[in-house]
Amino acid sequence: MTEREYNECVNCYADNVYRFIVKNLRHEEDARDVVQTAFEKLWRNRHDVQFEKSKSYLFTVAYNQMIDQIRKGKRVSLKEAFREDAGIAQPKHNVRKILEQALARLNETQRSLVMLKDYEGYSYEEIGKITGLSESQVKVYLHRARLQLKEYLVKVENVI
């Protein structure tokens, strides 16, 4: 891969990789670190990575870095000094918040699969390469994740 092709990768894929990671980690600084590390690895290995496969390479490296970050769990959680809704009028039914809550109930693998398939539009085969799962495992895990999402969303709908 040439320097020009690397720069094209940065321009084309940085936002997609970042969105995927931040949706899973739910922490912007950690997501930026993971994405930066993925692009650093791509730069160091640019002579070994074909330009046509750079997107898959980036998502695979970022996914593995994200899993490592989750496993480390070194980030300290700080409690907010005030409630999220204090003093701000919130709509009663915030669809985005409900969807984020539903996704948060999934385990890290299921959440990643849903994000890669439904948000980023990858095929089952591509997701398998990124996550290291077989195509049939991807389908089964994704099906189970969607069932969990549906179950949660139906419960929330009945409460609202």
C-alpha atoms as a PDB file:
ATOM      1  CA  MET A   1       0.000   0.000   0.000  1.00  0.00           C
ATOM      2  CA  THR A   2       1.331   3.406  -0.901  1.00  0.00           C
ATOM      3  CA  GLU A   3       1.250   6.515   1.252  1.00  0.00           C
ATOM      4  CA  ARG A   4      -1.479   7.945  -0.973  1.00  0.00           C
ATOM      5  CA  GLU A   5      -3.597   4.798  -0.531  1.00  0.00           C
ATOM      6  CA  TYR A   6      -3.064   4.923   3.232  1.00  0.00           C
ATOM      7  CA  ASN A   7      -4.271   8.542   3.302  1.00  0.00           C
ATOM      8  CA  GLU A   8      -7.289   7.509   1.266  1.00  0.00           C
ATOM      9  CA  CYS A   9      -8.023   4.824   3.877  1.00  0.00           C
ATOM     10  CA  VAL A  10      -7.908   7.434   6.618  1.00  0.00           C
ATOM     11  CA  ASN A  11     -10.294   9.700   4.696  1.00  0.00           C
ATOM     12  CA  CYS A  12     -12.709   6.910   3.771  1.00  0.00           C
ATOM     13  CA  TYR A  13     -12.800   4.682   6.855  1.00  0.00           C
ATOM     14  CA  ALA A  14     -11.855   6.693   9.952  1.00  0.00           C
ATOM     15  CA  ASP A  15     -15.414   7.834  10.680  1.00  0.00           C
ATOM     16  CA  ASN A  16     -16.908   4.367  10.134  1.00  0.00           C
ATOM     17  CA  VAL A  17     -14.365   2.653  12.380  1.00  0.00           C
ATOM     18  CA  TYR A  18     -14.796   5.326  15.054  1.00  0.00           C
ATOM     19  CA  ARG A  19     -18.611   5.058  15.005  1.00  0.00           C
ATOM     20  CA  PHE A  20     -18.428   1.291  15.298  1.00  0.00           C
ATOM     21  CA  ILE A  21     -16.021   1.410  18.245  1.00  0.00           C
ATOM     22  CA  VAL A  22     -17.682   4.280  20.143  1.00  0.00           C
ATOM     23  CA  LYS A  23     -21.095   2.564  19.868  1.00  0.00           C
ATOM     24  CA  ASN A  24     -19.631  -0.521  21.494  1.00  0.00           C
ATOM     25  CA  LEU A  25     -17.327   1.058  24.076  1.00  0.00           C
ATOM     26  CA  ARG A  26     -19.644   4.001  24.812  1.00  0.00           C
ATOM     27  CA  HIS A  27     -16.610   6.102  25.718  1.00  0.00           C
ATOM     28  CA  GLU A  28     -15.256   8.598  23.189  1.00  0.00           C
ATOM     29  CA  GLU A  29     -11.665   8.851  24.427  1.00  0.00           C
ATOM     30  CA  ASP A  30     -11.217   5.088  24.557  1.00  0.00           C
ATOM     31  CA  ALA A  31     -12.733   4.819  21.081  1.00  0.00           C
ATOM     32  CA  ARG A  32     -10.307   7.424  19.727  1.00  0.00           C
ATOM     33  CA  ASP A  33      -7.389   5.487  21.231  1.00  0.00           C
ATOM     34  CA  VAL A  34      -8.578   2.239  19.647  1.00  0.00           C
ATOM     35  CA  VAL A  35      -9.034   3.858  16.231  1.00  0.00           C
ATOM     36  CA  GLN A  36      -5.656   5.573  16.423  1.00  0.00           C
ATOM     37  CA  THR A  37      -3.998   2.268  17.285  1.00  0.00           C
ATOM     38  CA  ALA A  38      -5.746   0.555  14.356  1.00  0.00           C
ATOM     39  CA  PHE A  39      -4.497   3.176  11.901  1.00  0.00           C
ATOM     40  CA  GLU A  40      -1.031   3.046  13.444  1.00  0.00           C
ATOM     41  CA  LYS A  41      -0.928  -0.721  12.874  1.00  0.00           C
ATOM     42  CA  LEU A  42      -2.116  -0.232   9.314  1.00  0.00           C
ATOM     43  CA  TRP A  43       0.697   2.276   8.739  1.00  0.00           C
ATOM     44  CA  ARG A  44       3.317  -0.022  10.216  1.00  0.00           C
ATOM     45  CA  ASN A  45       2.068  -2.942   8.120  1.00  0.00           C
ATOM     46  CA  ARG A  46       1.196  -0.958   4.981  1.00  0.00           C
ATOM     47  CA  HIS A  47       3.669  -2.914   2.879  1.00  0.00           C
ATOM     48  CA  ASP A  48       1.975  -6.205   3.808  1.00  0.00           C
ATOM     49  CA  VAL A  49      -1.668  -5.054   3.517  1.00  0.00           C
ATOM     50  CA  GLN A  50      -3.316  -4.833   0.121  1.00  0.00           C
ATOM     51  CA  PHE A  51      -5.248  -1.628  -0.438  1.00  0.00           C
ATOM     52  CA  GLU A  52      -8.373  -3.588  -1.433  1.00  0.00           C
ATOM     53  CA  LYS A  53      -8.365  -5.346   1.945  1.00  0.00           C
ATOM     54  CA  SER A  54      -7.530  -2.328   4.082  1.00  0.00           C
ATOM     55  CA  LYS A  55     -11.111  -1.733   5.283  1.00  0.00           C
ATOM     56  CA  SER A  56     -11.450  -5.287   6.553  1.00  0.00           C
ATOM     57  CA  TYR A  57      -7.967  -5.075   8.092  1.00  0.00           C
ATOM     58  CA  LEU A  58      -8.840  -1.844   9.933  1.00  0.00           C
ATOM     59  CA  PHE A  59     -12.112  -3.194  11.329  1.00  0.00           C
ATOM     60  CA  THR A  60     -10.433  -6.429  12.399  1.00  0.00           C
ATOM     61  CA  VAL A  61      -7.616  -4.625  14.215  1.00  0.00           C
ATOM     62  CA  ALA A  62     -10.033  -2.119  15.782  1.00  0.00           C
ATOM     63  CA  TYR A  63     -12.378  -4.913  16.877  1.00  0.00           C
ATOM     64  CA  ASN A  64      -9.533  -6.818  18.537  1.00  0.00           C
ATOM     65  CA  GLN A  65      -8.256  -3.636  20.224  1.00  0.00           C
ATOM     66  CA  MET A  66     -11.781  -2.919  21.460  1.00  0.00           C
ATOM     67  CA  ILE A  67     -12.063  -6.412  22.967  1.00  0.00           C
ATOM     68  CA  ASP A  68      -8.706  -5.901  24.696  1.00  0.00           C
ATOM     69  CA  GLN A  69      -9.896  -2.536  26.024  1.00  0.00           C
ATOM     70  CA  ILE A  70     -13.082  -4.095  27.404  1.00  0.00           C
ATOM     71  CA  ARG A  71     -11.137  -6.897  29.043  1.00  0.00           C
ATOM     72  CA  LYS A  72      -8.725  -4.517  30.714  1.00  0.00           C
ATOM     73  CA  GLY A  73     -11.539  -2.528  32.255  1.00  0.00           C
ATOM     74  CA  LYS A  74      -9.042  -0.071  33.705  1.00  0.00           C
ATOM     75  CA  ARG A  75     -11.133   3.008  33.058  1.00  0.00           C
ATOM     76  CA  VAL A  76     -12.538   4.423  36.279  1.00  0.00           C
ATOM     77  CA  SER A  77     -16.249   5.135  36.229  1.00  0.00           C
ATOM     78  CA  LEU A  78     -17.155   8.518  37.581  1.00  0.00           C
ATOM     79  CA  LYS A  79     -20.624   9.188  38.923  1.00  0.00           C
ATOM     80  CA  GLU A  80     -22.413  12.231  37.678  1.00  0.00           C
ATOM     81  CA  ALA A  81     -22.993  14.921  40.283  1.00  0.00           C
ATOM     82  CA  PHE A  82     -26.489  15.420  38.964  1.00  0.00           C
ATOM     83  CA  ARG A  83     -29.129  13.410  37.168  1.00  0.00           C
ATOM     84  CA  GLU A  84     -29.138  13.426  33.394  1.00  0.00           C
ATOM     85  CA  ASP A  85     -32.625  14.905  33.205  1.00  0.00           C
ATOM     86  CA  ALA A  86     -32.231  17.506  35.973  1.00  0.00           C
ATOM     87  CA  GLY A  87     -33.508  20.858  34.808  1.00  0.00           C
ATOM     88  CA  ILE A  88     -33.943  19.770  31.193  1.00  0.00           C
ATOM     89  CA  ALA A  89     -37.286  18.889  29.706  1.00  0.00           C
ATOM     90  CA  GLN A  90     -36.856  15.512  28.000  1.00  0.00           C
ATOM     91  CA  PRO A  91     -39.333  13.992  25.574  1.00  0.00           C
ATOM     92  CA  LYS A  92     -41.251  11.186  27.230  1.00  0.00           C
ATOM     93  CA  HIS A  93     -40.325   8.602  24.605  1.00  0.00           C
ATOM     94  CA  ASN A  94     -36.716   8.972  23.493  1.00  0.00           C
ATOM     95  CA  VAL A  95     -36.311   6.285  20.833  1.00  0.00           C
ATOM     96  CA  ARG A  96     -32.529   6.669  20.579  1.00  0.00           C
ATOM     97  CA  LYS A  97     -32.124   6.238  24.339  1.00  0.00           C
ATOM     98  CA  ILE A  98     -34.378   3.185  24.369  1.00  0.00           C
ATOM     99  CA  LEU A  99     -32.434   1.636  21.492  1.00  0.00           C
ATOM    100  CA  GLU A 100     -29.110   2.340  23.222  1.00  0.00           C
ATOM    101  CA  GLN A 101     -30.463   0.706  26.396  1.00  0.00           C
ATOM    102  CA  ALA A 102     -31.544  -2.321  24.369  1.00  0.00           C
ATOM    103  CA  LEU A 103     -28.093  -2.591  22.747  1.00  0.00           C
ATOM    104  CA  ALA A 104     -26.409  -2.203  26.144  1.00  0.00           C
ATOM    105  CA  ARG A 105     -28.223  -5.316  27.361  1.00  0.00           C
ATOM    106  CA  LEU A 106     -26.439  -7.431  24.750  1.00  0.00           C
ATOM    107  CA  ASN A 107     -23.042  -8.942  25.431  1.00  0.00           C
ATOM    108  CA  GLU A 108     -20.045  -7.419  23.643  1.00  0.00           C
ATOM    109  CA  THR A 109     -20.029 -10.009  20.844  1.00  0.00           C
ATOM    110  CA  GLN A 110     -23.735  -9.667  20.099  1.00  0.00           C
ATOM    111  CA  ARG A 111     -23.557  -5.869  20.171  1.00  0.00           C
ATOM    112  CA  SER A 112     -20.584  -5.895  17.805  1.00  0.00           C
ATOM    113  CA  LEU A 113     -22.339  -8.228  15.388  1.00  0.00           C
ATOM    114  CA  VAL A 114     -25.497  -6.094  15.350  1.00  0.00           C
ATOM    115  CA  MET A 115     -23.455  -2.954  14.758  1.00  0.00           C
ATOM    116  CA  LEU A 116     -21.371  -4.517  11.981  1.00  0.00           C
ATOM    117  CA  LYS A 117     -24.368  -6.034  10.161  1.00  0.00           C
ATOM    118  CA  ASP A 118     -27.190  -3.552  10.710  1.00  0.00           C
ATOM    119  CA  TYR A 119     -25.290  -0.302  11.166  1.00  0.00           C
ATOM    120  CA  GLU A 120     -22.207  -0.742   8.984  1.00  0.00           C
ATOM    121  CA  GLY A 121     -23.759  -3.114   6.423  1.00  0.00           C
ATOM    122  CA  TYR A 122     -21.127  -5.847   6.362  1.00  0.00           C
ATOM    123  CA  SER A 123     -21.933  -9.295   4.960  1.00  0.00           C
ATOM    124  CA  TYR A 124     -21.896 -12.371   7.196  1.00  0.00           C
ATOM    125  CA  GLU A 125     -18.646 -13.485   5.577  1.00  0.00           C
ATOM    126  CA  GLU A 126     -16.957 -10.108   6.201  1.00  0.00           C
ATOM    127  CA  ILE A 127     -18.168 -10.053   9.802  1.00  0.00           C
ATOM    128  CA  GLY A 128     -16.760 -13.548  10.278  1.00  0.00           C
ATOM    129  CA  LYS A 129     -13.356 -12.394   9.063  1.00  0.00           C
ATOM    130  CA  ILE A 130     -13.422  -9.314  11.301  1.00  0.00           C
ATOM    131  CA  THR A 131     -14.509 -11.147  14.462  1.00  0.00           C
ATOM    132  CA  GLY A 132     -12.812 -14.498  13.870  1.00  0.00           C
ATOM    133  CA  LEU A 133     -16.151 -16.353  13.938  1.00  0.00           C
ATOM    134  CA  SER A 134     -17.453 -18.716  11.286  1.00  0.00           C
ATOM    135  CA  GLU A 135     -20.207 -17.470   9.010  1.00  0.00           C
ATOM    136  CA  SER A 136     -22.728 -19.822  10.660  1.00  0.00           C
ATOM    137  CA  GLN A 137     -21.713 -18.618  14.149  1.00  0.00           C
ATOM    138  CA  VAL A 138     -22.244 -15.039  13.017  1.00  0.00           C
ATOM    139  CA  LYS A 139     -25.739 -15.889  11.778  1.00  0.00           C
ATOM    140  CA  VAL A 140     -26.689 -17.742  14.977  1.00  0.00           C
ATOM    141  CA  TYR A 141     -25.308 -15.084  17.340  1.00  0.00           C
ATOM    142  CA  LEU A 142     -26.894 -12.302  15.312  1.00  0.00           C
ATOM    143  CA  HIS A 143     -30.251 -14.082  15.313  1.00  0.00           C
ATOM    144  CA  ARG A 144     -30.116 -14.505  19.101  1.00  0.00           C
ATOM    145  CA  ALA A 145     -29.099 -10.875  19.566  1.00  0.00           C
ATOM    146  CA  ARG A 146     -32.011  -9.685  17.450  1.00  0.00           C
ATOM    147  CA  LEU A 147     -34.408 -11.864  19.454  1.00  0.00           C
ATOM    148  CA  GLN A 148     -33.117 -10.278  22.673  1.00  0.00           C
ATOM    149  CA  LEU A 149     -33.506  -6.797  21.190  1.00  0.00           C
ATOM    150  CA  LYS A 150     -37.030  -7.576  20.047  1.00  0.00           C
ATOM    151  CA  GLU A 151     -37.990  -8.986  23.451  1.00  0.00           C
ATOM    152  CA  TYR A 152     -36.675  -5.910  25.247  1.00  0.00           C
ATOM    153  CA  LEU A 153     -38.235  -3.440  22.823  1.00  0.00           C
ATOM    154  CA  VAL A 154     -41.638  -5.174  23.053  1.00  0.00           C
ATOM    155  CA  LYS A 155     -41.468  -4.945  26.868  1.00  0.00           C
ATOM    156  CA  VAL A 156     -40.612  -1.249  26.697  1.00  0.00           C
ATOM    157  CA  GLU A 157     -43.404  -0.658  24.181  1.00  0.00           C
ATOM    158  CA  ASN A 158     -45.936  -2.285  26.506  1.00  0.00           C
ATOM    159  CA  VAL A 159     -44.792  -0.114  29.421  1.00  0.00           C
ATOM    160  CA  ILE A 160     -44.999   3.080  27.388  1.00  0.00           C
END
